Amino acid sequence: MMQWLKDLMASAPVLPPPPLAGVGWGVGGGAETASRGAMKAAPSPQPSPASGRGSQSRRAEPGETLAKQLALVIDLNVCVGCHACVTSCKQWNTSGSAGPLADERPYAANPTGTFFNRVQTYEAGAFPATETVHLPKSCLHCEDPPCVPVCPTGASYKRKEDGIVLVDYDKCIGCKYCAWACPYGARELDEERQVMTKCTLCVDRIYDELLPKEDRKPACVKACPTGARLFGDVKDPDSEVSKAIRERGGYQLMPEWETSPANQYLPRRITQSTDAQGQ
């Protein structure tokens, strides 16, 4: 864990336990806590991602080394910034156990929406040697996630069996502490439900035995037309993702924050065009 967060947690006062179910922000939500004003409980028209398979799953202890860690490996060399991963993620999750994902004022001057996955595009280098870089970014499912210990209600947690970091909406009060602690900007507030949301690695899909085995992957992985997104267990040395990391020099995003992100990126390979070679 980041040292500044360790120091902060060590000096922070011990918070009282959350109310019992049905009181304040208990299961199902809907009631506002008298002392928290705008921090109201989120109604749960859809089950929380923690309510499907794995509702009885064990929570990993802080700093615990897990035997299995599911993650994404993203190949920046073949990502074309088409946003297929963004739209497929939105469609699957807004209609699944993580949704609905609100879109507020979509055609106004200050639109806002909830997305688990975004693609940031920017120009790198100096003219004339410039290049366009597309960087897909979502929750990195850190091995030591700083969003978990700061959550006052225990809504944010890391699963012991597969390392996926999830949010239990029935416990979330929308305080945004997790967004403040996350150095990657991966947490988003759903303005309609007033709960924090994030990528779940399509946990309601990857374990669905009613789906064909080849479809038990995150929606973004299935939708990518260039195969830029890989999914698997990064702790398994024989998995597709582990081999890609070893052979292509995969790297973690911002390792200096000491969160040990599970998701990794494969670097771009700079090549010259045919025209440039012929000059």
C-alpha atoms as a PDB file:
ATOM      1  CA  MET A   1       0.000   0.000   0.000  1.00  0.00           C
ATOM      2  CA  MET A   2       1.109   3.572  -0.653  1.00  0.00           C
ATOM      3  CA  GLN A   3       3.078   4.941   2.295  1.00  0.00           C
ATOM      4  CA  TRP A   4       1.032   8.128   2.590  1.00  0.00           C
ATOM      5  CA  LEU A   5      -2.133   6.050   2.800  1.00  0.00           C
ATOM      6  CA  LYS A   6      -0.582   3.796   5.446  1.00  0.00           C
ATOM      7  CA  ASP A   7       0.285   6.854   7.522  1.00  0.00           C
ATOM      8  CA  LEU A   8      -3.193   8.275   7.082  1.00  0.00           C
ATOM      9  CA  MET A   9      -4.919   5.023   8.026  1.00  0.00           C
ATOM     10  CA  ALA A  10      -2.692   4.647  11.088  1.00  0.00           C
ATOM     11  CA  SER A  11      -3.704   8.061  12.389  1.00  0.00           C
ATOM     12  CA  ALA A  12      -7.365   7.887  11.390  1.00  0.00           C
ATOM     13  CA  PRO A  13      -9.992   7.409  14.117  1.00  0.00           C
ATOM     14  CA  VAL A  14     -11.770   4.088  14.298  1.00  0.00           C
ATOM     15  CA  LEU A  15     -15.174   4.378  12.639  1.00  0.00           C
ATOM     16  CA  PRO A  16     -18.270   2.815  14.198  1.00  0.00           C
ATOM     17  CA  PRO A  17     -19.692  -0.257  12.479  1.00  0.00           C
ATOM     18  CA  PRO A  18     -22.362   0.344   9.830  1.00  0.00           C
ATOM     19  CA  PRO A  19     -26.042   0.057  10.833  1.00  0.00           C
ATOM     20  CA  LEU A  20     -27.829  -3.246  10.678  1.00  0.00           C
ATOM     21  CA  ALA A  21     -29.678  -4.232   7.530  1.00  0.00           C
ATOM     22  CA  GLY A  22     -32.861  -2.220   7.144  1.00  0.00           C
ATOM     23  CA  VAL A  23     -31.474   0.728   9.104  1.00  0.00           C
ATOM     24  CA  GLY A  24     -29.760   3.687   7.435  1.00  0.00           C
ATOM     25  CA  TRP A  25     -28.032   2.253   4.358  1.00  0.00           C
ATOM     26  CA  GLY A  26     -28.952  -1.389   4.979  1.00  0.00           C
ATOM     27  CA  VAL A  27     -29.777  -4.004   2.361  1.00  0.00           C
ATOM     28  CA  GLY A  28     -31.995  -2.629  -0.365  1.00  0.00           C
ATOM     29  CA  GLY A  29     -31.249   0.971   0.581  1.00  0.00           C
ATOM     30  CA  GLY A  30     -33.749   3.702  -0.019  1.00  0.00           C
ATOM     31  CA  ALA A  31     -33.561   5.432   3.373  1.00  0.00           C
ATOM     32  CA  GLU A  32     -31.383   8.404   4.134  1.00  0.00           C
ATOM     33  CA  THR A  33     -29.206   8.541   7.196  1.00  0.00           C
ATOM     34  CA  ALA A  34     -30.115  11.439   9.406  1.00  0.00           C
ATOM     35  CA  SER A  35     -26.529  12.407  10.122  1.00  0.00           C
ATOM     36  CA  ARG A  36     -25.170  12.115   6.587  1.00  0.00           C
ATOM     37  CA  GLY A  37     -27.567  14.356   4.692  1.00  0.00           C
ATOM     38  CA  ALA A  38     -26.891  13.843   1.010  1.00  0.00           C
ATOM     39  CA  MET A  39     -25.096  10.522   1.591  1.00  0.00           C
ATOM     40  CA  LYS A  40     -28.234   8.536   0.981  1.00  0.00           C
ATOM     41  CA  ALA A  41     -28.505   4.819   0.475  1.00  0.00           C
ATOM     42  CA  ALA A  42     -28.694   3.577  -3.064  1.00  0.00           C
ATOM     43  CA  PRO A  43     -31.896   1.865  -4.149  1.00  0.00           C
ATOM     44  CA  SER A  44     -31.099  -1.524  -5.621  1.00  0.00           C
ATOM     45  CA  PRO A  45     -33.347  -2.169  -8.626  1.00  0.00           C
ATOM     46  CA  GLN A  46     -30.694  -4.620  -9.774  1.00  0.00           C
ATOM     47  CA  PRO A  47     -28.745  -6.964  -7.520  1.00  0.00           C
ATOM     48  CA  SER A  48     -25.321  -5.774  -6.478  1.00  0.00           C
ATOM     49  CA  PRO A  49     -22.389  -7.448  -8.263  1.00  0.00           C
ATOM     50  CA  ALA A  50     -21.693  -8.965  -4.868  1.00  0.00           C
ATOM     51  CA  SER A  51     -25.136 -10.574  -4.829  1.00  0.00           C
ATOM     52  CA  GLY A  52     -24.687 -12.993  -7.712  1.00  0.00           C
ATOM     53  CA  ARG A  53     -22.218 -15.824  -7.846  1.00  0.00           C
ATOM     54  CA  GLY A  54     -19.754 -15.305  -5.061  1.00  0.00           C
ATOM     55  CA  SER A  55     -22.202 -13.588  -2.678  1.00  0.00           C
ATOM     56  CA  GLN A  56     -20.709 -15.885  -0.067  1.00  0.00           C
ATOM     57  CA  SER A  57     -17.204 -15.347  -1.423  1.00  0.00           C
ATOM     58  CA  ARG A  58     -14.427 -14.711   1.035  1.00  0.00           C
ATOM     59  CA  ARG A  59     -12.776 -11.333   1.237  1.00  0.00           C
ATOM     60  CA  ALA A  60      -9.036 -11.104   0.855  1.00  0.00           C
ATOM     61  CA  GLU A  61      -7.150  -9.629   3.777  1.00  0.00           C
ATOM     62  CA  PRO A  62      -5.123  -6.433   3.182  1.00  0.00           C
ATOM     63  CA  GLY A  63      -1.768  -7.324   1.656  1.00  0.00           C
ATOM     64  CA  GLU A  64      -2.701 -10.994   1.267  1.00  0.00           C
ATOM     65  CA  THR A  65      -1.009 -12.823  -1.612  1.00  0.00           C
ATOM     66  CA  LEU A  66      -3.607 -14.692  -3.641  1.00  0.00           C
ATOM     67  CA  ALA A  67      -3.106 -17.861  -5.645  1.00  0.00           C
ATOM     68  CA  LYS A  68      -5.309 -16.590  -8.468  1.00  0.00           C
ATOM     69  CA  GLN A  69      -5.642 -13.115  -9.947  1.00  0.00           C
ATOM     70  CA  LEU A  70      -7.901 -12.483 -12.916  1.00  0.00           C
ATOM     71  CA  ALA A  71      -6.938  -9.464 -14.966  1.00  0.00           C
ATOM     72  CA  LEU A  72      -6.847  -7.804 -18.377  1.00  0.00           C
ATOM     73  CA  VAL A  73      -3.739  -7.388 -20.496  1.00  0.00           C
ATOM     74  CA  ILE A  74      -4.106  -4.649 -23.106  1.00  0.00           C
ATOM     75  CA  ASP A  75      -1.986  -4.541 -26.251  1.00  0.00           C
ATOM     76  CA  LEU A  76      -1.362  -0.864 -27.037  1.00  0.00           C
ATOM     77  CA  ASN A  77       0.268  -1.852 -30.311  1.00  0.00           C
ATOM     78  CA  VAL A  78      -2.995  -2.954 -31.900  1.00  0.00           C
ATOM     79  CA  CYS A  79      -5.584  -0.810 -30.068  1.00  0.00           C
ATOM     80  CA  VAL A  80      -7.124   1.533 -32.651  1.00  0.00           C
ATOM     81  CA  GLY A  81      -9.287   3.560 -30.260  1.00  0.00           C
ATOM     82  CA  CYS A  82     -12.570   2.396 -31.796  1.00  0.00           C
ATOM     83  CA  HIS A  83     -14.385   2.401 -28.401  1.00  0.00           C
ATOM     84  CA  ALA A  84     -15.981  -0.998 -29.059  1.00  0.00           C
ATOM     85  CA  CYS A  85     -14.824  -2.006 -25.574  1.00  0.00           C
ATOM     86  CA  VAL A  86     -16.491   1.075 -24.095  1.00  0.00           C
ATOM     87  CA  THR A  87     -19.870   0.565 -25.738  1.00  0.00           C
ATOM     88  CA  SER A  88     -20.002  -3.199 -25.173  1.00  0.00           C
ATOM     89  CA  CYS A  89     -19.059  -2.710 -21.510  1.00  0.00           C
ATOM     90  CA  LYS A  90     -21.788  -0.113 -21.117  1.00  0.00           C
ATOM     91  CA  GLN A  91     -24.401  -2.291 -22.801  1.00  0.00           C
ATOM     92  CA  TRP A  92     -23.613  -5.447 -20.822  1.00  0.00           C
ATOM     93  CA  ASN A  93     -23.299  -3.832 -17.424  1.00  0.00           C
ATOM     94  CA  THR A  94     -26.217  -1.421 -17.669  1.00  0.00           C
ATOM     95  CA  SER A  95     -28.480  -4.390 -18.335  1.00  0.00           C
ATOM     96  CA  GLY A  96     -26.790  -6.765 -15.898  1.00  0.00           C
ATOM     97  CA  SER A  97     -26.170  -7.054 -12.170  1.00  0.00           C
ATOM     98  CA  ALA A  98     -24.004  -3.924 -12.078  1.00  0.00           C
ATOM     99  CA  GLY A  99     -26.560  -1.638 -13.713  1.00  0.00           C
ATOM    100  CA  PRO A 100     -28.412   0.418 -14.627  1.00  0.00           C
ATOM    101  CA  LEU A 101     -25.590   2.878 -15.329  1.00  0.00           C
ATOM    102  CA  ALA A 102     -26.966   6.408 -15.427  1.00  0.00           C
ATOM    103  CA  ASP A 103     -26.487   8.952 -18.205  1.00  0.00           C
ATOM    104  CA  GLU A 104     -27.436  12.393 -16.936  1.00  0.00           C
ATOM    105  CA  ARG A 105     -28.015  15.344 -19.279  1.00  0.00           C
ATOM    106  CA  PRO A 106     -26.565  13.531 -22.336  1.00  0.00           C
ATOM    107  CA  TYR A 107     -27.361  16.392 -24.724  1.00  0.00           C
ATOM    108  CA  ALA A 108     -26.845  19.328 -22.384  1.00  0.00           C
ATOM    109  CA  ALA A 109     -23.826  21.574 -21.954  1.00  0.00           C
ATOM    110  CA  ASN A 110     -22.449  19.500 -19.066  1.00  0.00           C
ATOM    111  CA  PRO A 111     -23.312  15.861 -19.799  1.00  0.00           C
ATOM    112  CA  THR A 112     -22.229  13.120 -17.438  1.00  0.00           C
ATOM    113  CA  GLY A 113     -22.446   9.362 -17.556  1.00  0.00           C
ATOM    114  CA  THR A 114     -21.229   6.278 -15.749  1.00  0.00           C
ATOM    115  CA  PHE A 115     -18.696   4.153 -17.607  1.00  0.00           C
ATOM    116  CA  PHE A 116     -16.583   1.281 -16.312  1.00  0.00           C
ATOM    117  CA  ASN A 117     -14.159   1.559 -19.215  1.00  0.00           C
ATOM    118  CA  ARG A 118     -12.860   4.607 -21.065  1.00  0.00           C
ATOM    119  CA  VAL A 119     -10.348   5.134 -23.864  1.00  0.00           C
ATOM    120  CA  GLN A 120      -8.050   8.128 -23.599  1.00  0.00           C
ATOM    121  CA  THR A 121      -6.466   9.296 -26.850  1.00  0.00           C
ATOM    122  CA  TYR A 122      -3.564  11.696 -27.046  1.00  0.00           C
ATOM    123  CA  GLU A 123      -0.700  12.765 -29.281  1.00  0.00           C
ATOM    124  CA  ALA A 124       2.856  11.848 -28.293  1.00  0.00           C
ATOM    125  CA  GLY A 125       6.175  13.087 -29.578  1.00  0.00           C
ATOM    126  CA  ALA A 126       7.110  16.284 -31.404  1.00  0.00           C
ATOM    127  CA  PHE A 127       6.278  17.226 -34.970  1.00  0.00           C
ATOM    128  CA  PRO A 128       6.966  15.712 -37.429  1.00  0.00           C
ATOM    129  CA  ALA A 129       7.671  12.534 -35.423  1.00  0.00           C
ATOM    130  CA  THR A 130       4.290  12.395 -33.705  1.00  0.00           C
ATOM    131  CA  GLU A 131       2.043   9.438 -33.007  1.00  0.00           C
ATOM    132  CA  THR A 132      -1.483   8.888 -31.753  1.00  0.00           C
ATOM    133  CA  VAL A 133      -1.754   6.746 -28.637  1.00  0.00           C
ATOM    134  CA  HIS A 134      -4.982   5.104 -27.471  1.00  0.00           C
ATOM    135  CA  LEU A 135      -4.973   4.109 -23.789  1.00  0.00           C
ATOM    136  CA  PRO A 136      -7.963   2.045 -22.602  1.00  0.00           C
ATOM    137  CA  LYS A 137      -8.341   2.395 -18.842  1.00  0.00           C
ATOM    138  CA  SER A 138     -10.566   0.812 -16.231  1.00  0.00           C
ATOM    139  CA  CYS A 139     -10.180  -0.537 -12.706  1.00  0.00           C
ATOM    140  CA  LEU A 140      -6.828  -2.316 -12.528  1.00  0.00           C
ATOM    141  CA  HIS A 141      -7.892  -4.753  -9.766  1.00  0.00           C
ATOM    142  CA  CYS A 142      -4.772  -3.990  -7.760  1.00  0.00           C
ATOM    143  CA  GLU A 143      -3.261  -6.680  -5.594  1.00  0.00           C
ATOM    144  CA  ASP A 144      -3.064  -4.067  -2.827  1.00  0.00           C
ATOM    145  CA  PRO A 145      -6.048  -1.831  -3.673  1.00  0.00           C
ATOM    146  CA  PRO A 146      -6.032   1.492  -1.769  1.00  0.00           C
ATOM    147  CA  CYS A 147      -9.775   1.868  -2.341  1.00  0.00           C
ATOM    148  CA  VAL A 148     -10.555  -1.008   0.035  1.00  0.00           C
ATOM    149  CA  PRO A 149      -9.156   0.115   3.418  1.00  0.00           C
ATOM    150  CA  VAL A 150     -10.552   3.662   3.108  1.00  0.00           C
ATOM    151  CA  CYS A 151     -14.152   2.493   2.637  1.00  0.00           C
ATOM    152  CA  PRO A 152     -15.988   3.277   5.894  1.00  0.00           C
ATOM    153  CA  THR A 153     -18.730   0.686   5.354  1.00  0.00           C
ATOM    154  CA  GLY A 154     -16.774  -2.206   3.874  1.00  0.00           C
ATOM    155  CA  ALA A 155     -18.540  -1.828   0.535  1.00  0.00           C
ATOM    156  CA  SER A 156     -15.267  -2.030  -1.396  1.00  0.00           C
ATOM    157  CA  TYR A 157     -13.519  -5.363  -1.152  1.00  0.00           C
ATOM    158  CA  LYS A 158     -11.214  -7.772  -2.980  1.00  0.00           C
ATOM    159  CA  ARG A 159     -12.345 -11.328  -3.518  1.00  0.00           C
ATOM    160  CA  LYS A 160     -10.110 -14.076  -2.201  1.00  0.00           C
ATOM    161  CA  GLU A 161     -10.916 -16.636  -4.881  1.00  0.00           C
ATOM    162  CA  ASP A 162     -10.039 -14.599  -7.990  1.00  0.00           C
ATOM    163  CA  GLY A 163      -8.704 -11.213  -6.865  1.00  0.00           C
ATOM    164  CA  ILE A 164     -11.520  -9.172  -8.429  1.00  0.00           C
ATOM    165  CA  VAL A 165     -12.203  -5.875  -6.645  1.00  0.00           C
ATOM    166  CA  LEU A 166     -15.922  -5.203  -6.262  1.00  0.00           C
ATOM    167  CA  VAL A 167     -18.364  -2.772  -4.666  1.00  0.00           C
ATOM    168  CA  ASP A 168     -21.359  -3.957  -2.653  1.00  0.00           C
ATOM    169  CA  TYR A 169     -23.978  -1.353  -3.592  1.00  0.00           C
ATOM    170  CA  ASP A 170     -26.127  -2.243  -0.584  1.00  0.00           C
ATOM    171  CA  LYS A 171     -23.347  -0.993   1.687  1.00  0.00           C
ATOM    172  CA  CYS A 172     -22.067   1.917  -0.417  1.00  0.00           C
ATOM    173  CA  ILE A 173     -23.061   5.395   0.803  1.00  0.00           C
ATOM    174  CA  GLY A 174     -21.470   7.305  -2.070  1.00  0.00           C
ATOM    175  CA  CYS A 175     -18.914   9.091   0.114  1.00  0.00           C
ATOM    176  CA  LYS A 176     -16.280   9.002  -2.684  1.00  0.00           C
ATOM    177  CA  TYR A 177     -13.444   8.023  -0.325  1.00  0.00           C
ATOM    178  CA  CYS A 178     -12.490   5.226  -2.741  1.00  0.00           C
ATOM    179  CA  ALA A 179     -12.324   7.641  -5.675  1.00  0.00           C
ATOM    180  CA  TRP A 180     -10.086   9.903  -3.629  1.00  0.00           C
ATOM    181  CA  ALA A 181      -7.757   7.015  -2.764  1.00  0.00           C
ATOM    182  CA  CYS A 182      -7.548   5.495  -6.254  1.00  0.00           C
ATOM    183  CA  PRO A 183      -4.528   6.935  -8.116  1.00  0.00           C
ATOM    184  CA  TYR A 184      -5.892   5.768 -11.469  1.00  0.00           C
ATOM    185  CA  GLY A 185      -9.253   7.566 -11.473  1.00  0.00           C
ATOM    186  CA  ALA A 186     -11.065   4.257 -11.943  1.00  0.00           C
ATOM    187  CA  ARG A 187     -14.007   4.943  -9.614  1.00  0.00           C
ATOM    188  CA  GLU A 188     -17.113   6.767 -10.825  1.00  0.00           C
ATOM    189  CA  LEU A 189     -20.165   7.977  -8.955  1.00  0.00           C
ATOM    190  CA  ASP A 190     -23.479   6.926 -10.446  1.00  0.00           C
ATOM    191  CA  GLU A 191     -25.385  10.172  -9.929  1.00  0.00           C
ATOM    192  CA  GLU A 192     -28.788   8.539 -10.151  1.00  0.00           C
ATOM    193  CA  ARG A 193     -28.197   5.830  -7.548  1.00  0.00           C
ATOM    194  CA  GLN A 194     -25.512   7.692  -5.556  1.00  0.00           C
ATOM    195  CA  VAL A 195     -23.190   4.697  -5.396  1.00  0.00           C
ATOM    196  CA  MET A 196     -19.596   4.275  -6.516  1.00  0.00           C
ATOM    197  CA  THR A 197     -19.146   2.052  -9.541  1.00  0.00           C
ATOM    198  CA  LYS A 198     -16.238   0.394 -11.344  1.00  0.00           C
ATOM    199  CA  CYS A 199     -15.215  -2.422 -13.647  1.00  0.00           C
ATOM    200  CA  THR A 200     -16.233  -5.844 -12.315  1.00  0.00           C
ATOM    201  CA  LEU A 201     -14.429  -7.866 -15.010  1.00  0.00           C
ATOM    202  CA  CYS A 202     -17.992  -8.907 -15.901  1.00  0.00           C
ATOM    203  CA  VAL A 203     -18.097 -11.174 -12.865  1.00  0.00           C
ATOM    204  CA  ASP A 204     -21.720 -11.995 -13.681  1.00  0.00           C
ATOM    205  CA  ARG A 205     -20.662 -13.199 -17.119  1.00  0.00           C
ATOM    206  CA  ILE A 206     -17.350 -15.013 -16.740  1.00  0.00           C
ATOM    207  CA  TYR A 207     -18.856 -17.583 -14.349  1.00  0.00           C
ATOM    208  CA  ASP A 208     -22.206 -17.977 -16.116  1.00  0.00           C
ATOM    209  CA  GLU A 209     -22.460 -21.675 -16.975  1.00  0.00           C
ATOM    210  CA  LEU A 210     -25.441 -20.950 -19.237  1.00  0.00           C
ATOM    211  CA  LEU A 211     -23.096 -19.207 -21.657  1.00  0.00           C
ATOM    212  CA  PRO A 212     -20.870 -21.132 -24.063  1.00  0.00           C
ATOM    213  CA  LYS A 213     -17.372 -21.486 -22.645  1.00  0.00           C
ATOM    214  CA  GLU A 214     -15.884 -19.239 -25.325  1.00  0.00           C
ATOM    215  CA  ASP A 215     -18.265 -16.433 -24.281  1.00  0.00           C
ATOM    216  CA  ARG A 216     -17.286 -16.490 -20.605  1.00  0.00           C
ATOM    217  CA  LYS A 217     -15.059 -13.470 -20.978  1.00  0.00           C
ATOM    218  CA  PRO A 218     -15.567  -9.786 -20.161  1.00  0.00           C
ATOM    219  CA  ALA A 219     -17.753  -8.029 -22.727  1.00  0.00           C
ATOM    220  CA  CYS A 220     -14.896  -5.720 -23.727  1.00  0.00           C
ATOM    221  CA  VAL A 221     -12.653  -8.672 -24.579  1.00  0.00           C
ATOM    222  CA  LYS A 222     -15.300 -10.268 -26.770  1.00  0.00           C
ATOM    223  CA  ALA A 223     -16.023  -7.001 -28.584  1.00  0.00           C
ATOM    224  CA  CYS A 224     -12.465  -5.891 -29.425  1.00  0.00           C
ATOM    225  CA  PRO A 225     -12.085  -6.205 -33.227  1.00  0.00           C
ATOM    226  CA  THR A 226      -8.273  -6.234 -33.142  1.00  0.00           C
ATOM    227  CA  GLY A 227      -7.774  -8.640 -30.236  1.00  0.00           C
ATOM    228  CA  ALA A 228      -6.094  -5.932 -28.178  1.00  0.00           C
ATOM    229  CA  ARG A 229      -7.624  -7.163 -24.924  1.00  0.00           C
ATOM    230  CA  LEU A 230      -6.609 -10.425 -23.271  1.00  0.00           C
ATOM    231  CA  PHE A 231      -8.184 -11.939 -20.152  1.00  0.00           C
ATOM    232  CA  GLY A 232      -6.960 -14.571 -17.737  1.00  0.00           C
ATOM    233  CA  ASP A 233      -5.103 -15.463 -14.574  1.00  0.00           C
ATOM    234  CA  VAL A 234      -1.844 -13.501 -14.325  1.00  0.00           C
ATOM    235  CA  LYS A 235      -0.725 -15.799 -11.492  1.00  0.00           C
ATOM    236  CA  ASP A 236      -0.826 -18.827 -13.804  1.00  0.00           C
ATOM    237  CA  PRO A 237       2.519 -18.894 -15.658  1.00  0.00           C
ATOM    238  CA  ASP A 238       0.998 -20.949 -18.476  1.00  0.00           C
ATOM    239  CA  SER A 239      -1.975 -18.646 -19.116  1.00  0.00           C
ATOM    240  CA  GLU A 240      -2.281 -16.567 -22.283  1.00  0.00           C
ATOM    241  CA  VAL A 241      -1.916 -13.328 -20.336  1.00  0.00           C
ATOM    242  CA  SER A 242       1.187 -14.445 -18.447  1.00  0.00           C
ATOM    243  CA  LYS A 243       2.884 -15.557 -21.647  1.00  0.00           C
ATOM    244  CA  ALA A 244       2.046 -12.229 -23.319  1.00  0.00           C
ATOM    245  CA  ILE A 245       3.488 -10.292 -20.378  1.00  0.00           C
ATOM    246  CA  ARG A 246       6.732 -12.310 -20.447  1.00  0.00           C
ATOM    247  CA  GLU A 247       7.207 -12.338 -24.200  1.00  0.00           C
ATOM    248  CA  ARG A 248       6.133  -8.758 -24.923  1.00  0.00           C
ATOM    249  CA  GLY A 249       7.492  -6.945 -21.885  1.00  0.00           C
ATOM    250  CA  GLY A 250       4.153  -6.208 -20.240  1.00  0.00           C
ATOM    251  CA  TYR A 251       4.192  -3.485 -17.615  1.00  0.00           C
ATOM    252  CA  GLN A 252       2.033  -2.089 -14.819  1.00  0.00           C
ATOM    253  CA  LEU A 253       0.588   1.414 -14.891  1.00  0.00           C
ATOM    254  CA  MET A 254       2.225   3.812 -12.422  1.00  0.00           C
ATOM    255  CA  PRO A 255       4.074   1.198 -10.339  1.00  0.00           C
ATOM    256  CA  GLU A 256       5.472   3.955  -8.111  1.00  0.00           C
ATOM    257  CA  TRP A 257       2.130   4.017  -6.274  1.00  0.00           C
ATOM    258  CA  GLU A 258       2.886   0.526  -4.929  1.00  0.00           C
ATOM    259  CA  THR A 259      -0.616  -0.822  -5.546  1.00  0.00           C
ATOM    260  CA  SER A 260       0.582  -3.727  -7.756  1.00  0.00           C
ATOM    261  CA  PRO A 261      -2.055  -3.382 -10.506  1.00  0.00           C
ATOM    262  CA  ALA A 262      -3.198  -6.742 -11.835  1.00  0.00           C
ATOM    263  CA  ASN A 263      -4.080  -5.328 -15.264  1.00  0.00           C
ATOM    264  CA  GLN A 264      -1.028  -4.778 -17.430  1.00  0.00           C
ATOM    265  CA  TYR A 265      -0.189  -3.197 -20.774  1.00  0.00           C
ATOM    266  CA  LEU A 266       1.851  -4.459 -23.700  1.00  0.00           C
ATOM    267  CA  PRO A 267       4.052  -1.682 -25.114  1.00  0.00           C
ATOM    268  CA  ARG A 268       3.756  -0.144 -28.541  1.00  0.00           C
ATOM    269  CA  ARG A 269       6.324  -1.118 -31.138  1.00  0.00           C
ATOM    270  CA  ILE A 270       7.414   1.912 -33.121  1.00  0.00           C
ATOM    271  CA  THR A 271       7.674   1.123 -36.835  1.00  0.00           C
ATOM    272  CA  GLN A 272       8.354   3.308 -39.816  1.00  0.00           C
ATOM    273  CA  SER A 273       5.935   3.539 -42.704  1.00  0.00           C
ATOM    274  CA  THR A 274       6.951   2.333 -46.160  1.00  0.00           C
ATOM    275  CA  ASP A 275       7.010   5.900 -47.463  1.00  0.00           C
ATOM    276  CA  ALA A 276       9.311   7.033 -44.647  1.00  0.00           C
ATOM    277  CA  GLN A 277      11.728   4.170 -45.336  1.00  0.00           C
ATOM    278  CA  GLY A 278      11.907   4.997 -49.002  1.00  0.00           C
ATOM    279  CA  GLN A 279      12.868   8.636 -48.485  1.00  0.00           C
END
